[in-house]
C-alpha atoms as a PDB file:
ATOM      1  CA  MET A   1     170.508  50.865   5.779  1.00  0.00           C
ATOM      2  CA  ALA A   2     170.052  54.614   5.300  1.00  0.00           C
ATOM      3  CA  CYS A   3     171.045  55.266   8.911  1.00  0.00           C
ATOM      4  CA  GLU A   4     174.276  53.333   8.502  1.00  0.00           C
ATOM      5  CA  LEU A   5     175.073  55.201   5.287  1.00  0.00           C
ATOM      6  CA  ALA A   6     174.401  58.532   6.984  1.00  0.00           C
ATOM      7  CA  LEU A   7     176.682  57.636   9.875  1.00  0.00           C
ATOM      8  CA  ALA A   8     179.386  56.430   7.500  1.00  0.00           C
ATOM      9  CA  ALA A   9     179.193  59.654   5.493  1.00  0.00           C
ATOM     10  CA  ALA A  10     179.318  61.727   8.671  1.00  0.00           C
ATOM     11  CA  ALA A  11     182.297  59.763   9.964  1.00  0.00           C
ATOM     12  CA  PHE A  12     184.064  60.186   6.647  1.00  0.00           C
ATOM     13  CA  GLY A  13     183.343  63.935   6.743  1.00  0.00           C
ATOM     14  CA  VAL A  14     184.723  64.198  10.263  1.00  0.00           C
ATOM     15  CA  PHE A  15     187.786  62.209   9.186  1.00  0.00           C
ATOM     16  CA  LEU A  16     188.369  64.597   6.300  1.00  0.00           C
ATOM     17  CA  VAL A  17     187.958  67.592   8.602  1.00  0.00           C
ATOM     18  CA  LEU A  18     190.611  66.206  10.922  1.00  0.00           C
ATOM     19  CA  ARG A  19     192.868  65.160   8.059  1.00  0.00           C
ATOM     20  CA  VAL A  20     192.895  68.526   6.268  1.00  0.00           C
ATOM     21  CA  ARG A  21     192.654  70.768   9.319  1.00  0.00           C
ATOM     22  CA  ASN A  22     195.683  72.850   8.318  1.00  0.00           C
ATOM     23  CA  THR A  23     194.189  73.765   4.951  1.00  0.00           C
ATOM     24  CA  GLY A  24     191.140  75.738   3.939  1.00  0.00           C
ATOM     25  CA  LEU A  25     189.315  72.543   2.978  1.00  0.00           C
ATOM     26  CA  ALA A  26     188.214  71.747   6.522  1.00  0.00           C
ATOM     27  CA  VAL A  27     185.311  74.194   6.600  1.00  0.00           C
ATOM     28  CA  PRO A  28     183.252  72.830   3.670  1.00  0.00           C
ATOM     29  CA  PHE A  29     183.689  69.286   4.954  1.00  0.00           C
ATOM     30  CA  ALA A  30     182.543  70.411   8.395  1.00  0.00           C
ATOM     31  CA  ALA A  31     179.378  71.896   6.895  1.00  0.00           C
ATOM     32  CA  LEU A  32     178.730  68.659   5.006  1.00  0.00           C
ATOM     33  CA  ALA A  33     179.299  66.576   8.136  1.00  0.00           C
ATOM     34  CA  PHE A  34     176.882  68.777  10.104  1.00  0.00           C
ATOM     35  CA  LEU A  35     174.262  68.396   7.367  1.00  0.00           C
ATOM     36  CA  VAL A  36     174.566  64.602   7.250  1.00  0.00           C
ATOM     37  CA  ILE A  37     174.425  64.300  11.045  1.00  0.00           C
ATOM     38  CA  ALA A  38     171.381  66.610  11.161  1.00  0.00           C
ATOM     39  CA  ILE A  39     169.534  64.517   8.577  1.00  0.00           C
ATOM     40  CA  TYR A  40     170.359  61.363  10.531  1.00  0.00           C
ATOM     41  CA  LEU A  41     169.126  62.873  13.804  1.00  0.00           C
ATOM     42  CA  ILE A  42     165.916  64.100  12.189  1.00  0.00           C
ATOM     43  CA  GLY A  43     165.407  60.657  10.664  1.00  0.00           C
ATOM     44  CA  ILE A  44     165.577  58.906  14.039  1.00  0.00           C
ATOM     45  CA  GLY A  45     163.416  61.527  15.738  1.00  0.00           C
ATOM     46  CA  LYS A  46     166.084  63.131  17.926  1.00  0.00           C
ATOM     47  CA  PRO A  47     166.563  66.888  18.409  1.00  0.00           C
ATOM     48  CA  SER A  48     168.811  68.224  15.683  1.00  0.00           C
ATOM     49  CA  ILE A  49     168.842  71.960  16.337  1.00  0.00           C
ATOM     50  CA  TYR A  50     172.254  71.585  17.982  1.00  0.00           C
ATOM     51  CA  VAL A  51     173.728  70.503  14.658  1.00  0.00           C
ATOM     52  CA  VAL A  52     171.576  72.476  12.226  1.00  0.00           C
ATOM     53  CA  VAL A  53     172.459  75.924  13.591  1.00  0.00           C
ATOM     54  CA  PRO A  54     176.252  75.398  13.560  1.00  0.00           C
ATOM     55  CA  GLY A  55     175.970  73.783  10.126  1.00  0.00           C
ATOM     56  CA  ILE A  56     174.159  76.810   8.719  1.00  0.00           C
ATOM     57  CA  PHE A  57     176.705  79.118  10.363  1.00  0.00           C
ATOM     58  CA  VAL A  58     179.629  77.171   8.878  1.00  0.00           C
ATOM     59  CA  LEU A  59     178.002  77.164   5.434  1.00  0.00           C
ATOM     60  CA  ILE A  60     177.368  80.921   5.492  1.00  0.00           C
ATOM     61  CA  THR A  61     180.896  81.577   6.740  1.00  0.00           C
ATOM     62  CA  THR A  62     182.334  79.420   3.956  1.00  0.00           C
ATOM     63  CA  ILE A  63     180.356  81.194   1.241  1.00  0.00           C
ATOM     64  CA  ALA A  64     181.317  84.612   2.644  1.00  0.00           C
ATOM     65  CA  ALA A  65     184.990  83.616   2.728  1.00  0.00           C
ATOM     66  CA  LEU A  66     184.814  82.419  -0.879  1.00  0.00           C
ATOM     67  CA  CYS A  67     183.199  85.708  -1.939  1.00  0.00           C
ATOM     68  CA  TYR A  68     185.877  87.712  -0.145  1.00  0.00           C
ATOM     69  CA  GLN A  69     188.674  85.578  -1.566  1.00  0.00           C
ATOM     70  CA  SER A  70     187.406  85.863  -5.134  1.00  0.00           C
ATOM     71  CA  TYR A  71     187.026  89.644  -4.732  1.00  0.00           C
ATOM     72  CA  THR A  72     190.571  90.049  -3.429  1.00  0.00           C
ATOM     73  CA  LEU A  73     191.968  87.843  -6.192  1.00  0.00           C
ATOM     74  CA  VAL A  74     190.292  89.887  -8.918  1.00  0.00           C
ATOM     75  CA  THR A  75     191.009  93.339  -7.458  1.00  0.00           C
ATOM     76  CA  ALA A  76     194.671  92.689  -6.631  1.00  0.00           C
ATOM     77  CA  PRO A  77     197.326  94.781  -8.424  1.00  0.00           C
ATOM     78  CA  GLU A  78     198.118  91.668 -10.456  1.00  0.00           C
ATOM     79  CA  PRO A  79     194.752  89.878 -10.788  1.00  0.00           C
ATOM     80  CA  ASN A  80     194.773  86.103 -10.605  1.00  0.00           C
ATOM     81  CA  TYR A  81     191.703  84.932 -12.470  1.00  0.00           C
ATOM     82  CA  GLU A  82     192.105  81.161 -12.285  1.00  0.00           C
ATOM     83  CA  PRO A  83     191.662  80.824  -8.495  1.00  0.00           C
ATOM     84  CA  ALA A  84     188.958  83.481  -8.623  1.00  0.00           C
ATOM     85  CA  ALA A  85     187.069  81.394 -11.182  1.00  0.00           C
ATOM     86  CA  ILE A  86     187.406  78.347  -8.933  1.00  0.00           C
ATOM     87  CA  CYS A  87     186.005  80.394  -6.033  1.00  0.00           C
ATOM     88  CA  VAL A  88     183.032  81.438  -8.164  1.00  0.00           C
ATOM     89  CA  VAL A  89     182.394  77.828  -9.196  1.00  0.00           C
ATOM     90  CA  LEU A  90     182.497  76.765  -5.533  1.00  0.00           C
ATOM     91  CA  ILE A  91     180.071  79.558  -4.611  1.00  0.00           C
ATOM     92  CA  VAL A  92     177.659  78.394  -7.314  1.00  0.00           C
ATOM     93  CA  LEU A  93     177.977  74.774  -6.156  1.00  0.00           C
ATOM     94  CA  ALA A  94     177.402  75.775  -2.526  1.00  0.00           C
ATOM     95  CA  ALA A  95     174.278  77.705  -3.525  1.00  0.00           C
ATOM     96  CA  TYR A  96     173.048  74.715  -5.544  1.00  0.00           C
ATOM     97  CA  VAL A  97     173.632  72.269  -2.693  1.00  0.00           C
ATOM     98  CA  SER A  98     171.913  74.626  -0.255  1.00  0.00           C
ATOM     99  CA  ALA A  99     168.922  75.012  -2.579  1.00  0.00           C
ATOM    100  CA  GLU A 100     168.691  71.231  -2.945  1.00  0.00           C
ATOM    101  CA  ALA A 101     169.085  70.612   0.793  1.00  0.00           C
ATOM    102  CA  VAL A 102     166.083  72.682   1.911  1.00  0.00           C
ATOM    103  CA  PRO A 103     163.372  70.582   0.191  1.00  0.00           C
ATOM    104  CA  ARG A 104     165.136  67.356   1.192  1.00  0.00           C
ATOM    105  CA  MET A 105     165.272  68.467   4.819  1.00  0.00           C
ATOM    106  CA  ARG A 106     161.547  69.224   4.670  1.00  0.00           C
ATOM    107  CA  GLN A 107     160.889  65.738   3.269  1.00  0.00           C
ATOM    108  CA  VAL A 108     162.959  64.113   6.005  1.00  0.00           C
ATOM    109  CA  VAL A 109     161.199  66.142   8.723  1.00  0.00           C
ATOM    110  CA  ALA A 110     157.767  65.244   7.312  1.00  0.00           C
ATOM    111  CA  ALA A 111     158.696  61.560   7.083  1.00  0.00           C
ATOM    112  CA  ALA A 112     160.093  61.579  10.635  1.00  0.00           C
ATOM    113  CA  ARG A 113     156.937  63.244  11.987  1.00  0.00           C
ATOM    114  CA  ALA A 114     154.748  60.708  10.167  1.00  0.00           C
ATOM    115  CA  TYR A 115     156.834  57.846  11.530  1.00  0.00           C
ATOM    116  CA  VAL A 116     156.785  59.157  15.112  1.00  0.00           C
ATOM    117  CA  THR A 117     153.014  59.756  15.120  1.00  0.00           C
ATOM    118  CA  ALA A 118     152.242  56.379  13.525  1.00  0.00           C
END
């Protein structure tokens, strides 16, 4: 059941990436899709490094772009604080999700190793 949910979430993430490809929303969905696919691959005991590394790169690029965008919005000749506040909220949420993902990934890797050796 968990495998099917992971695949459905990954497919939905890929669909959203393709659907919003002309907007800036594609990058966070791509990072989420990479994360879900990596967890699925780890869960079934397949190599996942090919998805983890691009996922981390996309996540770091997204956070850096949000930082740059919020800085330019605040330091413009006519500052626009509302979108800058949204950027800051998204940065905080991305940091929270990243902090939550690390222990979960460790749990999935430990469970996959225990399942493979059993």
